[in-house]
Amino acid sequence: MAAASASLSHLLLAPRRRTPPNPSHHPSRPITTALPRRRRPAPAISAAASDLLSPAPSLKSRLAAGDTLYGLFLLSFSPTLAELAALAGYDYVVVDMEHGPGGIPEALACLRALDAARTPAVLRLPEASAVWAKKALDLGPAGLMLPAVESPAAAAEAVSHCRYPPRGVRGAAHPIVRASAYGLDDSYLSRCEDDTLIICQVETAAGIAEVDAIAAVDGVDVVQMGPLDLSASMGYLWDPGNRKVRAALREAERKVLEARKKKVAAAAAGNAAYLGGFAMQNDPPEQLKLRGYHMVAGAVDIGMFRKAALDDVKRFREAVMEIGEEGDEEEEKEEKENDGYWSE
């Protein structure tokens, strides 16, 4: 999509051709021969502007280069928070249509905000179906996250939803959809399947048992561990940090990481997916990074705002001013660092 966006930007920024006036439209005016105008040199494009117009690296290329990617989940469907997350420096933002309240129109607004800030968007679908994949891919995200994949057959079917015939079953409307810059990007068909990151969530006991086979399915780029749903499927809904849940996750992590290392070391044929995961209270993002995860989702916008709001209210309600302390206000104001509430 980055290339599509760049292509569209070039088209929008290209100088318009001006049609010379036709004298026949003004018969009362005398016909004069216009002196040739000196052509002004085109302004040089700055390095910053050039960067904005050039395609951003895809998530796939960054993973292949060995980068560890850090992302945020967007459940609010707020384009403002999406833009803020992008400007804060997250490597990607997952727009969550599985648990968030928004659908395709709301996701589109968030994608536009993220594209403007040059940050890849991943859409998490409500279900791994051909209909949802088709509508989501036509928006032009950097990747799709498909929930509750429990077998290699289910993973292969999910991949087929993301590919055009004869390799898959994705419906073709490429001349008019946003993903191809509404048909202005001639390179879309030749690169869309190579650029789009396909993430299969493994989040049940049944899926964990098949995780190595799922990671080996052609077209599965990332296996995403789902600790919360896994704990529920194992009977520990209220205890996601249970030692049995942790042990199952560690075993699944080991299988995916070992398969990836063997493939890289031996330059072997076949697929070996990258490892992705969600940080939990008992398993923070730094720990996932240290254990070798390639993609780490460390925060949720709703959770971050909830914590900040609760802390803000608590700080205000617990503030007590004793009699006689008014004179210390100026001194405290000078000592206190700017806490972000005020602009002065």
C-alpha atoms as a PDB file:
ATOM      1  CA  MET A   1       0.000   0.000   0.000  1.00  0.00           C
ATOM      2  CA  ALA A   2       2.934   2.299   0.632  1.00  0.00           C
ATOM      3  CA  ALA A   3       3.872   2.072  -3.028  1.00  0.00           C
ATOM      4  CA  ALA A   4       0.283   2.709  -3.993  1.00  0.00           C
ATOM      5  CA  SER A   5       0.170   5.749  -1.760  1.00  0.00           C
ATOM      6  CA  ALA A   6       3.421   7.030  -3.221  1.00  0.00           C
ATOM      7  CA  SER A   7       2.106   6.516  -6.741  1.00  0.00           C
ATOM      8  CA  LEU A   8      -1.045   8.432  -5.921  1.00  0.00           C
ATOM      9  CA  SER A   9       0.991  11.218  -4.313  1.00  0.00           C
ATOM     10  CA  HIS A  10       3.062  11.626  -7.459  1.00  0.00           C
ATOM     11  CA  LEU A  11      -0.102  11.870  -9.512  1.00  0.00           C
ATOM     12  CA  LEU A  12      -1.651  14.440  -7.215  1.00  0.00           C
ATOM     13  CA  LEU A  13       1.508  16.525  -7.034  1.00  0.00           C
ATOM     14  CA  ALA A  14       2.262  16.471 -10.762  1.00  0.00           C
ATOM     15  CA  PRO A  15       1.880  19.885 -12.448  1.00  0.00           C
ATOM     16  CA  ARG A  16      -1.328  20.274 -14.399  1.00  0.00           C
ATOM     17  CA  ARG A  17      -1.158  20.974 -18.096  1.00  0.00           C
ATOM     18  CA  ARG A  18      -2.749  24.227 -19.095  1.00  0.00           C
ATOM     19  CA  THR A  19      -4.637  24.350 -22.381  1.00  0.00           C
ATOM     20  CA  PRO A  20      -3.793  27.513 -24.394  1.00  0.00           C
ATOM     21  CA  PRO A  21      -6.746  29.849 -24.869  1.00  0.00           C
ATOM     22  CA  ASN A  22      -8.695  29.508 -28.091  1.00  0.00           C
ATOM     23  CA  PRO A  23      -9.106  32.955 -29.781  1.00  0.00           C
ATOM     24  CA  SER A  24     -12.319  31.816 -31.428  1.00  0.00           C
ATOM     25  CA  HIS A  25     -13.971  31.901 -28.040  1.00  0.00           C
ATOM     26  CA  HIS A  26     -13.521  35.689 -27.953  1.00  0.00           C
ATOM     27  CA  PRO A  27     -14.207  37.017 -31.473  1.00  0.00           C
ATOM     28  CA  SER A  28     -14.340  40.612 -30.311  1.00  0.00           C
ATOM     29  CA  ARG A  29     -10.802  40.571 -29.025  1.00  0.00           C
ATOM     30  CA  PRO A  30      -7.865  41.229 -31.371  1.00  0.00           C
ATOM     31  CA  ILE A  31      -5.637  38.268 -32.070  1.00  0.00           C
ATOM     32  CA  THR A  32      -2.170  38.858 -30.735  1.00  0.00           C
ATOM     33  CA  THR A  33       0.886  36.692 -30.723  1.00  0.00           C
ATOM     34  CA  ALA A  34       2.039  36.048 -27.200  1.00  0.00           C
ATOM     35  CA  LEU A  35       5.736  36.405 -26.502  1.00  0.00           C
ATOM     36  CA  PRO A  36       7.345  33.163 -25.401  1.00  0.00           C
ATOM     37  CA  ARG A  37       7.681  32.947 -21.641  1.00  0.00           C
ATOM     38  CA  ARG A  38      10.852  31.863 -19.998  1.00  0.00           C
ATOM     39  CA  ARG A  39      10.321  28.541 -18.244  1.00  0.00           C
ATOM     40  CA  ARG A  40      10.972  28.630 -14.559  1.00  0.00           C
ATOM     41  CA  PRO A  41      13.114  25.787 -13.266  1.00  0.00           C
ATOM     42  CA  ALA A  42      11.153  23.219 -11.280  1.00  0.00           C
ATOM     43  CA  PRO A  43      11.733  23.579  -7.549  1.00  0.00           C
ATOM     44  CA  ALA A  44      14.042  20.951  -6.110  1.00  0.00           C
ATOM     45  CA  ILE A  45      12.324  18.397  -3.893  1.00  0.00           C
ATOM     46  CA  SER A  46      13.728  18.411  -0.388  1.00  0.00           C
ATOM     47  CA  ALA A  47      15.067  15.234   1.178  1.00  0.00           C
ATOM     48  CA  ALA A  48      12.168  15.208   3.652  1.00  0.00           C
ATOM     49  CA  ALA A  49       9.585  15.559   0.885  1.00  0.00           C
ATOM     50  CA  SER A  50      11.353  12.877  -1.135  1.00  0.00           C
ATOM     51  CA  ASP A  51      11.138  10.518   1.843  1.00  0.00           C
ATOM     52  CA  LEU A  52       7.423  11.184   2.155  1.00  0.00           C
ATOM     53  CA  LEU A  53       6.854  10.339  -1.494  1.00  0.00           C
ATOM     54  CA  SER A  54       9.035   7.231  -1.513  1.00  0.00           C
ATOM     55  CA  PRO A  55       7.481   3.893  -0.537  1.00  0.00           C
ATOM     56  CA  ALA A  56       7.879   2.934   3.133  1.00  0.00           C
ATOM     57  CA  PRO A  57       9.467  -0.454   3.858  1.00  0.00           C
ATOM     58  CA  SER A  58       6.881  -3.222   4.145  1.00  0.00           C
ATOM     59  CA  LEU A  59       6.470  -5.159   7.380  1.00  0.00           C
ATOM     60  CA  LYS A  60       7.631  -8.270   5.530  1.00  0.00           C
ATOM     61  CA  SER A  61      10.857  -6.633   4.422  1.00  0.00           C
ATOM     62  CA  ARG A  62      11.577  -5.369   7.926  1.00  0.00           C
ATOM     63  CA  LEU A  63      11.040  -8.815   9.414  1.00  0.00           C
ATOM     64  CA  ALA A  64      13.321 -10.307   6.767  1.00  0.00           C
ATOM     65  CA  ALA A  65      15.953  -7.718   7.699  1.00  0.00           C
ATOM     66  CA  GLY A  66      15.884  -8.946  11.304  1.00  0.00           C
ATOM     67  CA  ASP A  67      13.922  -6.096  12.894  1.00  0.00           C
ATOM     68  CA  THR A  68      11.825  -6.732  15.993  1.00  0.00           C
ATOM     69  CA  LEU A  69       8.559  -4.851  15.468  1.00  0.00           C
ATOM     70  CA  TYR A  70       6.584  -3.215  18.257  1.00  0.00           C
ATOM     71  CA  GLY A  71       2.903  -2.478  17.781  1.00  0.00           C
ATOM     72  CA  LEU A  72      -0.231  -1.084  19.383  1.00  0.00           C
ATOM     73  CA  PHE A  73      -3.813  -2.358  19.254  1.00  0.00           C
ATOM     74  CA  LEU A  74      -6.441   0.245  18.362  1.00  0.00           C
ATOM     75  CA  LEU A  75      -9.864  -0.650  19.757  1.00  0.00           C
ATOM     76  CA  SER A  76     -11.293   2.873  19.911  1.00  0.00           C
ATOM     77  CA  PHE A  77     -11.339   3.287  16.116  1.00  0.00           C
ATOM     78  CA  SER A  78     -10.251   6.879  16.693  1.00  0.00           C
ATOM     79  CA  PRO A  79      -8.298   8.299  13.717  1.00  0.00           C
ATOM     80  CA  THR A  80      -6.787  10.830  16.120  1.00  0.00           C
ATOM     81  CA  LEU A  81      -5.396   8.123  18.403  1.00  0.00           C
ATOM     82  CA  ALA A  82      -4.266   6.156  15.355  1.00  0.00           C
ATOM     83  CA  GLU A  83      -2.351   9.187  14.120  1.00  0.00           C
ATOM     84  CA  LEU A  84      -0.896   9.835  17.564  1.00  0.00           C
ATOM     85  CA  ALA A  85       0.256   6.215  17.854  1.00  0.00           C
ATOM     86  CA  ALA A  86       1.954   6.503  14.482  1.00  0.00           C
ATOM     87  CA  LEU A  87       3.698   9.737  15.414  1.00  0.00           C
ATOM     88  CA  ALA A  88       4.809   8.199  18.723  1.00  0.00           C
ATOM     89  CA  GLY A  89       6.876   5.698  16.766  1.00  0.00           C
ATOM     90  CA  TYR A  90       5.052   2.351  16.839  1.00  0.00           C
ATOM     91  CA  ASP A  91       6.197   0.093  14.014  1.00  0.00           C
ATOM     92  CA  TYR A  92       2.618  -0.928  13.216  1.00  0.00           C
ATOM     93  CA  VAL A  93      -0.921  -0.441  14.514  1.00  0.00           C
ATOM     94  CA  VAL A  94      -3.544  -3.185  14.606  1.00  0.00           C
ATOM     95  CA  VAL A  95      -7.052  -1.875  13.936  1.00  0.00           C
ATOM     96  CA  ASP A  96      -9.118  -4.424  15.836  1.00  0.00           C
ATOM     97  CA  MET A  97     -12.375  -5.304  14.102  1.00  0.00           C
ATOM     98  CA  GLU A  98     -12.705  -8.489  16.170  1.00  0.00           C
ATOM     99  CA  HIS A  99     -13.230  -6.852  19.563  1.00  0.00           C
ATOM    100  CA  GLY A 100     -13.469  -3.156  18.678  1.00  0.00           C
ATOM    101  CA  PRO A 101     -16.845  -1.534  17.842  1.00  0.00           C
ATOM    102  CA  GLY A 102     -15.968  -0.451  14.312  1.00  0.00           C
ATOM    103  CA  GLY A 103     -16.428  -2.003  10.896  1.00  0.00           C
ATOM    104  CA  ILE A 104     -15.100  -1.295   7.415  1.00  0.00           C
ATOM    105  CA  PRO A 105     -15.995   2.460   7.245  1.00  0.00           C
ATOM    106  CA  GLU A 106     -14.438   3.170  10.647  1.00  0.00           C
ATOM    107  CA  ALA A 107     -11.358   1.102   9.808  1.00  0.00           C
ATOM    108  CA  LEU A 108     -10.931   3.066   6.578  1.00  0.00           C
ATOM    109  CA  ALA A 109     -10.703   6.349   8.488  1.00  0.00           C
ATOM    110  CA  CYS A 110      -7.994   4.889  10.725  1.00  0.00           C
ATOM    111  CA  LEU A 111      -6.063   3.534   7.731  1.00  0.00           C
ATOM    112  CA  ARG A 112      -6.050   6.976   6.151  1.00  0.00           C
ATOM    113  CA  ALA A 113      -4.643   8.505   9.333  1.00  0.00           C
ATOM    114  CA  LEU A 114      -1.951   5.823   9.575  1.00  0.00           C
ATOM    115  CA  ASP A 115      -1.023   6.057   5.900  1.00  0.00           C
ATOM    116  CA  ALA A 116      -0.629   9.822   6.220  1.00  0.00           C
ATOM    117  CA  ALA A 117       1.798   9.241   9.099  1.00  0.00           C
ATOM    118  CA  ARG A 118       3.564   6.462   7.140  1.00  0.00           C
ATOM    119  CA  THR A 119       2.831   3.703   9.644  1.00  0.00           C
ATOM    120  CA  PRO A 120       1.668   0.262   8.479  1.00  0.00           C
ATOM    121  CA  ALA A 121      -1.827  -0.799   9.493  1.00  0.00           C
ATOM    122  CA  VAL A 122      -2.845  -4.379  10.220  1.00  0.00           C
ATOM    123  CA  LEU A 123      -6.557  -5.202  10.259  1.00  0.00           C
ATOM    124  CA  ARG A 124      -7.678  -7.887  12.699  1.00  0.00           C
ATOM    125  CA  LEU A 125     -10.782  -9.491  11.249  1.00  0.00           C
ATOM    126  CA  PRO A 126     -13.850 -10.645  13.192  1.00  0.00           C
ATOM    127  CA  GLU A 127     -13.407 -14.093  11.648  1.00  0.00           C
ATOM    128  CA  ALA A 128     -11.199 -15.863   9.134  1.00  0.00           C
ATOM    129  CA  SER A 129     -13.626 -15.747   6.218  1.00  0.00           C
ATOM    130  CA  ALA A 130     -13.395 -14.958   2.510  1.00  0.00           C
ATOM    131  CA  VAL A 131     -15.951 -12.144   2.783  1.00  0.00           C
ATOM    132  CA  TRP A 132     -14.140 -10.266   5.544  1.00  0.00           C
ATOM    133  CA  ALA A 133     -10.715 -10.802   3.971  1.00  0.00           C
ATOM    134  CA  LYS A 134     -11.925  -9.476   0.617  1.00  0.00           C
ATOM    135  CA  LYS A 135     -13.419  -6.299   2.069  1.00  0.00           C
ATOM    136  CA  ALA A 136     -10.416  -5.674   4.308  1.00  0.00           C
ATOM    137  CA  LEU A 137      -7.778  -6.248   1.632  1.00  0.00           C
ATOM    138  CA  ASP A 138      -9.527  -3.871  -0.753  1.00  0.00           C
ATOM    139  CA  LEU A 139      -8.868  -1.072   1.770  1.00  0.00           C
ATOM    140  CA  GLY A 140      -5.115  -1.595   1.322  1.00  0.00           C
ATOM    141  CA  PRO A 141      -3.739  -2.528   4.755  1.00  0.00           C
ATOM    142  CA  ALA A 142      -0.182  -3.734   5.265  1.00  0.00           C
ATOM    143  CA  GLY A 143      -1.472  -7.001   6.692  1.00  0.00           C
ATOM    144  CA  LEU A 144      -4.367  -9.046   8.024  1.00  0.00           C
ATOM    145  CA  MET A 145      -4.653 -10.816  11.369  1.00  0.00           C
ATOM    146  CA  LEU A 146      -6.945 -13.856  11.266  1.00  0.00           C
ATOM    147  CA  PRO A 147      -8.356 -15.133  14.569  1.00  0.00           C
ATOM    148  CA  ALA A 148      -8.717 -18.651  15.975  1.00  0.00           C
ATOM    149  CA  VAL A 149      -6.744 -20.687  13.435  1.00  0.00           C
ATOM    150  CA  GLU A 150      -6.652 -24.233  14.826  1.00  0.00           C
ATOM    151  CA  SER A 151      -5.208 -26.456  12.080  1.00  0.00           C
ATOM    152  CA  PRO A 152      -2.975 -26.413   8.984  1.00  0.00           C
ATOM    153  CA  ALA A 153      -6.077 -26.836   6.824  1.00  0.00           C
ATOM    154  CA  ALA A 154      -7.689 -23.773   8.414  1.00  0.00           C
ATOM    155  CA  ALA A 155      -4.470 -21.807   7.914  1.00  0.00           C
ATOM    156  CA  ALA A 156      -4.269 -22.790   4.234  1.00  0.00           C
ATOM    157  CA  GLU A 157      -7.901 -21.778   3.740  1.00  0.00           C
ATOM    158  CA  ALA A 158      -7.248 -18.422   5.435  1.00  0.00           C
ATOM    159  CA  VAL A 159      -4.302 -17.785   3.110  1.00  0.00           C
ATOM    160  CA  SER A 160      -6.452 -18.614   0.085  1.00  0.00           C
ATOM    161  CA  HIS A 161      -8.849 -15.822   1.082  1.00  0.00           C
ATOM    162  CA  CYS A 162      -5.969 -13.362   0.621  1.00  0.00           C
ATOM    163  CA  ARG A 163      -4.879 -14.494  -2.856  1.00  0.00           C
ATOM    164  CA  TYR A 164      -6.399 -14.019  -6.275  1.00  0.00           C
ATOM    165  CA  PRO A 165      -7.251 -17.043  -8.453  1.00  0.00           C
ATOM    166  CA  PRO A 166      -5.761 -19.454  -9.349  1.00  0.00           C
ATOM    167  CA  ARG A 167      -3.823 -19.418  -6.040  1.00  0.00           C
ATOM    168  CA  GLY A 168      -6.820 -18.391  -3.966  1.00  0.00           C
ATOM    169  CA  VAL A 169     -10.409 -17.199  -3.938  1.00  0.00           C
ATOM    170  CA  ARG A 170     -10.126 -13.439  -3.372  1.00  0.00           C
ATOM    171  CA  GLY A 171     -12.666 -11.509  -5.404  1.00  0.00           C
ATOM    172  CA  ALA A 172     -11.166  -9.216  -8.039  1.00  0.00           C
ATOM    173  CA  ALA A 173     -12.054  -5.514  -8.063  1.00  0.00           C
ATOM    174  CA  HIS A 174      -8.493  -4.199  -8.301  1.00  0.00           C
ATOM    175  CA  PRO A 175      -9.173  -1.498 -10.914  1.00  0.00           C
ATOM    176  CA  ILE A 176     -11.366   0.486  -8.528  1.00  0.00           C
ATOM    177  CA  VAL A 177     -10.427  -0.225  -4.897  1.00  0.00           C
ATOM    178  CA  ARG A 178      -8.303   1.851  -2.532  1.00  0.00           C
ATOM    179  CA  ALA A 179      -5.610  -0.841  -2.309  1.00  0.00           C
ATOM    180  CA  SER A 180      -4.567  -0.091  -5.899  1.00  0.00           C
ATOM    181  CA  ALA A 181      -4.955   3.684  -5.455  1.00  0.00           C
ATOM    182  CA  TYR A 182      -8.339   3.272  -7.173  1.00  0.00           C
ATOM    183  CA  GLY A 183      -6.665   1.782 -10.233  1.00  0.00           C
ATOM    184  CA  LEU A 184      -3.900   4.394 -10.513  1.00  0.00           C
ATOM    185  CA  ASP A 185      -1.200   2.024  -9.242  1.00  0.00           C
ATOM    186  CA  ASP A 186      -0.274  -0.253 -12.136  1.00  0.00           C
ATOM    187  CA  SER A 187       2.093  -2.318  -9.976  1.00  0.00           C
ATOM    188  CA  TYR A 188      -0.527  -3.441  -7.464  1.00  0.00           C
ATOM    189  CA  LEU A 189      -1.311  -6.868  -8.903  1.00  0.00           C
ATOM    190  CA  SER A 190       2.344  -7.778  -9.311  1.00  0.00           C
ATOM    191  CA  ARG A 191       3.240  -7.101  -5.681  1.00  0.00           C
ATOM    192  CA  CYS A 192       0.151  -7.180  -3.466  1.00  0.00           C
ATOM    193  CA  GLU A 193       0.482 -10.798  -2.362  1.00  0.00           C
ATOM    194  CA  ASP A 194       4.206 -10.463  -1.717  1.00  0.00           C
ATOM    195  CA  ASP A 195       3.739  -7.293   0.350  1.00  0.00           C
ATOM    196  CA  THR A 196       0.684  -8.258   2.425  1.00  0.00           C
ATOM    197  CA  LEU A 197       1.533  -9.789   5.807  1.00  0.00           C
ATOM    198  CA  ILE A 198      -0.720 -12.707   6.770  1.00  0.00           C
ATOM    199  CA  ILE A 199      -0.887 -13.305  10.527  1.00  0.00           C
ATOM    200  CA  CYS A 200      -2.645 -16.395  11.881  1.00  0.00           C
ATOM    201  CA  GLN A 201      -3.669 -16.293  15.514  1.00  0.00           C
ATOM    202  CA  VAL A 202      -3.106 -19.512  17.450  1.00  0.00           C
ATOM    203  CA  GLU A 203      -5.121 -19.050  20.612  1.00  0.00           C
ATOM    204  CA  THR A 204      -6.716 -22.343  21.631  1.00  0.00           C
ATOM    205  CA  ALA A 205      -5.447 -25.628  23.032  1.00  0.00           C
ATOM    206  CA  ALA A 206      -6.288 -27.292  19.701  1.00  0.00           C
ATOM    207  CA  GLY A 207      -4.294 -24.686  17.783  1.00  0.00           C
ATOM    208  CA  ILE A 208      -1.303 -24.943  20.131  1.00  0.00           C
ATOM    209  CA  ALA A 209      -1.167 -28.698  19.480  1.00  0.00           C
ATOM    210  CA  GLU A 210      -0.790 -27.966  15.732  1.00  0.00           C
ATOM    211  CA  VAL A 211       1.322 -24.810  15.942  1.00  0.00           C
ATOM    212  CA  ASP A 212       4.394 -26.183  14.159  1.00  0.00           C
ATOM    213  CA  ALA A 213       2.275 -27.480  11.263  1.00  0.00           C
ATOM    214  CA  ILE A 214       0.397 -24.148  11.049  1.00  0.00           C
ATOM    215  CA  ALA A 215       3.699 -22.246  10.931  1.00  0.00           C
ATOM    216  CA  ALA A 216       4.807 -24.446   8.014  1.00  0.00           C
ATOM    217  CA  VAL A 217       1.806 -23.611   5.803  1.00  0.00           C
ATOM    218  CA  ASP A 218       2.784 -21.683   2.674  1.00  0.00           C
ATOM    219  CA  GLY A 219       1.658 -18.074   2.945  1.00  0.00           C
ATOM    220  CA  VAL A 220       1.478 -17.901   6.753  1.00  0.00           C
ATOM    221  CA  ASP A 221       3.929 -15.118   7.564  1.00  0.00           C
ATOM    222  CA  VAL A 222       3.413 -14.816  11.317  1.00  0.00           C
ATOM    223  CA  VAL A 223       1.979 -17.097  13.990  1.00  0.00           C
ATOM    224  CA  GLN A 224       0.462 -14.877  16.662  1.00  0.00           C
ATOM    225  CA  MET A 225       0.119 -16.371  20.144  1.00  0.00           C
ATOM    226  CA  GLY A 226      -3.139 -15.535  21.928  1.00  0.00           C
ATOM    227  CA  PRO A 227      -2.580 -16.044  25.672  1.00  0.00           C
ATOM    228  CA  LEU A 228      -5.953 -14.767  26.907  1.00  0.00           C
ATOM    229  CA  ASP A 229      -8.087 -16.967  24.658  1.00  0.00           C
ATOM    230  CA  LEU A 230      -5.687 -19.853  25.262  1.00  0.00           C
ATOM    231  CA  SER A 231      -6.194 -19.572  29.006  1.00  0.00           C
ATOM    232  CA  ALA A 232      -9.970 -19.618  28.474  1.00  0.00           C
ATOM    233  CA  SER A 233      -9.797 -22.679  26.224  1.00  0.00           C
ATOM    234  CA  MET A 234      -7.717 -24.481  28.863  1.00  0.00           C
ATOM    235  CA  GLY A 235     -10.234 -23.692  31.625  1.00  0.00           C
ATOM    236  CA  TYR A 236      -8.363 -20.778  33.202  1.00  0.00           C
ATOM    237  CA  LEU A 237     -10.384 -17.781  32.032  1.00  0.00           C
ATOM    238  CA  TRP A 238      -9.744 -15.908  35.279  1.00  0.00           C
ATOM    239  CA  ASP A 239      -6.114 -16.993  35.511  1.00  0.00           C
ATOM    240  CA  PRO A 240      -4.224 -16.222  32.278  1.00  0.00           C
ATOM    241  CA  GLY A 241      -0.942 -16.392  34.209  1.00  0.00           C
ATOM    242  CA  ASN A 242      -1.560 -19.984  35.273  1.00  0.00           C
ATOM    243  CA  ARG A 243       1.592 -22.095  35.098  1.00  0.00           C
ATOM    244  CA  LYS A 244      -0.067 -24.609  32.745  1.00  0.00           C
ATOM    245  CA  VAL A 245      -0.976 -21.814  30.342  1.00  0.00           C
ATOM    246  CA  ARG A 246       2.542 -20.408  30.539  1.00  0.00           C
ATOM    247  CA  ALA A 247       4.031 -23.842  29.902  1.00  0.00           C
ATOM    248  CA  ALA A 248       1.828 -24.367  26.830  1.00  0.00           C
ATOM    249  CA  LEU A 249       2.844 -20.962  25.464  1.00  0.00           C
ATOM    250  CA  ARG A 250       6.550 -21.601  26.039  1.00  0.00           C
ATOM    251  CA  GLU A 251       6.350 -24.919  24.207  1.00  0.00           C
ATOM    252  CA  ALA A 252       4.548 -23.322  21.260  1.00  0.00           C
ATOM    253  CA  GLU A 253       7.073 -20.476  21.166  1.00  0.00           C
ATOM    254  CA  ARG A 254       9.934 -22.972  21.134  1.00  0.00           C
ATOM    255  CA  LYS A 255       8.503 -24.897  18.182  1.00  0.00           C
ATOM    256  CA  VAL A 256       7.938 -21.801  16.040  1.00  0.00           C
ATOM    257  CA  LEU A 257      11.318 -20.252  16.852  1.00  0.00           C
ATOM    258  CA  GLU A 258      13.236 -23.479  16.280  1.00  0.00           C
ATOM    259  CA  ALA A 259      11.567 -24.052  12.912  1.00  0.00           C
ATOM    260  CA  ARG A 260      12.457 -20.487  11.899  1.00  0.00           C
ATOM    261  CA  LYS A 261      16.097 -20.867  13.004  1.00  0.00           C
ATOM    262  CA  LYS A 262      16.504 -24.164  11.125  1.00  0.00           C
ATOM    263  CA  LYS A 263      15.107 -22.667   7.941  1.00  0.00           C
ATOM    264  CA  VAL A 264      17.417 -19.639   8.124  1.00  0.00           C
ATOM    265  CA  ALA A 265      20.501 -21.672   9.061  1.00  0.00           C
ATOM    266  CA  ALA A 266      20.044 -24.252   6.325  1.00  0.00           C
ATOM    267  CA  ALA A 267      18.379 -21.990   3.766  1.00  0.00           C
ATOM    268  CA  ALA A 268      15.823 -24.772   3.603  1.00  0.00           C
ATOM    269  CA  ALA A 269      12.798 -24.876   1.366  1.00  0.00           C
ATOM    270  CA  GLY A 270       9.301 -24.593   2.771  1.00  0.00           C
ATOM    271  CA  ASN A 271       7.677 -22.082   5.064  1.00  0.00           C
ATOM    272  CA  ALA A 272       8.624 -21.165   8.633  1.00  0.00           C
ATOM    273  CA  ALA A 273       6.564 -18.348  10.094  1.00  0.00           C
ATOM    274  CA  TYR A 274       7.769 -15.560  12.324  1.00  0.00           C
ATOM    275  CA  LEU A 275       6.557 -15.432  15.937  1.00  0.00           C
ATOM    276  CA  GLY A 276       4.180 -12.738  17.159  1.00  0.00           C
ATOM    277  CA  GLY A 277       2.493 -12.205  20.496  1.00  0.00           C
ATOM    278  CA  PHE A 278       0.482 -10.078  22.894  1.00  0.00           C
ATOM    279  CA  ALA A 279       2.032  -8.706  26.061  1.00  0.00           C
ATOM    280  CA  MET A 280       0.167  -9.446  29.293  1.00  0.00           C
ATOM    281  CA  GLN A 281       0.381  -8.061  32.812  1.00  0.00           C
ATOM    282  CA  ASN A 282       2.279 -11.173  33.865  1.00  0.00           C
ATOM    283  CA  ASP A 283       4.329 -11.212  30.655  1.00  0.00           C
ATOM    284  CA  PRO A 284       5.413  -7.682  29.634  1.00  0.00           C
ATOM    285  CA  PRO A 285       6.577  -6.787  26.101  1.00  0.00           C
ATOM    286  CA  GLU A 286      10.229  -6.616  27.115  1.00  0.00           C
ATOM    287  CA  GLN A 287      10.117 -10.291  28.103  1.00  0.00           C
ATOM    288  CA  LEU A 288       8.610 -11.299  24.765  1.00  0.00           C
ATOM    289  CA  LYS A 289      11.368  -9.417  22.987  1.00  0.00           C
ATOM    290  CA  LEU A 290      14.036 -11.159  25.046  1.00  0.00           C
ATOM    291  CA  ARG A 291      12.503 -14.565  24.299  1.00  0.00           C
ATOM    292  CA  GLY A 292      12.902 -13.974  20.573  1.00  0.00           C
ATOM    293  CA  TYR A 293       9.481 -12.777  19.415  1.00  0.00           C
ATOM    294  CA  HIS A 294       9.630 -11.019  16.053  1.00  0.00           C
ATOM    295  CA  MET A 295       6.429  -8.962  16.491  1.00  0.00           C
ATOM    296  CA  VAL A 296       5.212  -7.750  19.883  1.00  0.00           C
ATOM    297  CA  ALA A 297       1.873  -6.028  20.539  1.00  0.00           C
ATOM    298  CA  GLY A 298       2.545  -4.231  23.785  1.00  0.00           C
ATOM    299  CA  ALA A 299      -0.417  -1.988  24.484  1.00  0.00           C
ATOM    300  CA  VAL A 300      -4.071  -1.253  23.747  1.00  0.00           C
ATOM    301  CA  ASP A 301      -5.262   2.314  23.279  1.00  0.00           C
ATOM    302  CA  ILE A 302      -8.299   1.792  25.527  1.00  0.00           C
ATOM    303  CA  GLY A 303      -6.136   0.310  28.282  1.00  0.00           C
ATOM    304  CA  MET A 304      -3.633   3.149  28.079  1.00  0.00           C
ATOM    305  CA  PHE A 305      -6.343   5.805  28.306  1.00  0.00           C
ATOM    306  CA  ARG A 306      -8.111   3.939  31.119  1.00  0.00           C
ATOM    307  CA  LYS A 307      -4.937   3.868  33.208  1.00  0.00           C
ATOM    308  CA  ALA A 308      -4.139   7.514  32.517  1.00  0.00           C
ATOM    309  CA  ALA A 309      -7.722   8.583  33.349  1.00  0.00           C
ATOM    310  CA  LEU A 310      -7.841   6.607  36.602  1.00  0.00           C
ATOM    311  CA  ASP A 311      -4.463   7.970  37.693  1.00  0.00           C
ATOM    312  CA  ASP A 312      -5.538  11.508  36.848  1.00  0.00           C
ATOM    313  CA  VAL A 313      -8.765  11.315  38.861  1.00  0.00           C
ATOM    314  CA  LYS A 314      -6.997   9.634  41.769  1.00  0.00           C
ATOM    315  CA  ARG A 315      -4.267  12.289  41.845  1.00  0.00           C
ATOM    316  CA  PHE A 316      -6.847  15.088  41.916  1.00  0.00           C
ATOM    317  CA  ARG A 317      -9.046  13.539  44.602  1.00  0.00           C
ATOM    318  CA  GLU A 318      -6.132  12.733  46.872  1.00  0.00           C
ATOM    319  CA  ALA A 319      -4.705  16.243  46.653  1.00  0.00           C
ATOM    320  CA  VAL A 320      -5.064  17.986  50.044  1.00  0.00           C
ATOM    321  CA  MET A 321      -4.018  21.548  50.792  1.00  0.00           C
ATOM    322  CA  GLU A 322      -3.344  22.333  54.403  1.00  0.00           C
ATOM    323  CA  ILE A 323      -3.950  25.785  55.842  1.00  0.00           C
ATOM    324  CA  GLY A 324      -0.869  27.926  55.485  1.00  0.00           C
ATOM    325  CA  GLU A 325       0.520  26.101  52.432  1.00  0.00           C
ATOM    326  CA  GLU A 326      -0.632  28.691  49.919  1.00  0.00           C
ATOM    327  CA  GLY A 327       2.698  30.509  50.080  1.00  0.00           C
ATOM    328  CA  ASP A 328       4.528  27.419  48.846  1.00  0.00           C
ATOM    329  CA  GLU A 329       2.649  27.298  45.550  1.00  0.00           C
ATOM    330  CA  GLU A 330       5.158  29.364  43.539  1.00  0.00           C
ATOM    331  CA  GLU A 331       8.096  27.362  44.861  1.00  0.00           C
ATOM    332  CA  GLU A 332       6.386  24.077  44.051  1.00  0.00           C
ATOM    333  CA  LYS A 333       5.508  25.353  40.579  1.00  0.00           C
ATOM    334  CA  GLU A 334       9.158  26.125  39.827  1.00  0.00           C
ATOM    335  CA  GLU A 335      10.374  22.756  41.105  1.00  0.00           C
ATOM    336  CA  LYS A 336       7.756  20.677  39.380  1.00  0.00           C
ATOM    337  CA  GLU A 337       8.561  19.568  35.843  1.00  0.00           C
ATOM    338  CA  ASN A 338       6.072  20.114  33.098  1.00  0.00           C
ATOM    339  CA  ASP A 339       3.705  17.159  33.421  1.00  0.00           C
ATOM    340  CA  GLY A 340       2.058  17.577  30.026  1.00  0.00           C
ATOM    341  CA  TYR A 341      -1.248  19.058  31.165  1.00  0.00           C
ATOM    342  CA  TRP A 342      -0.533  22.631  30.171  1.00  0.00           C
ATOM    343  CA  SER A 343       1.161  24.135  27.190  1.00  0.00           C
ATOM    344  CA  GLU A 344       2.957  27.020  28.796  1.00  0.00           C
END
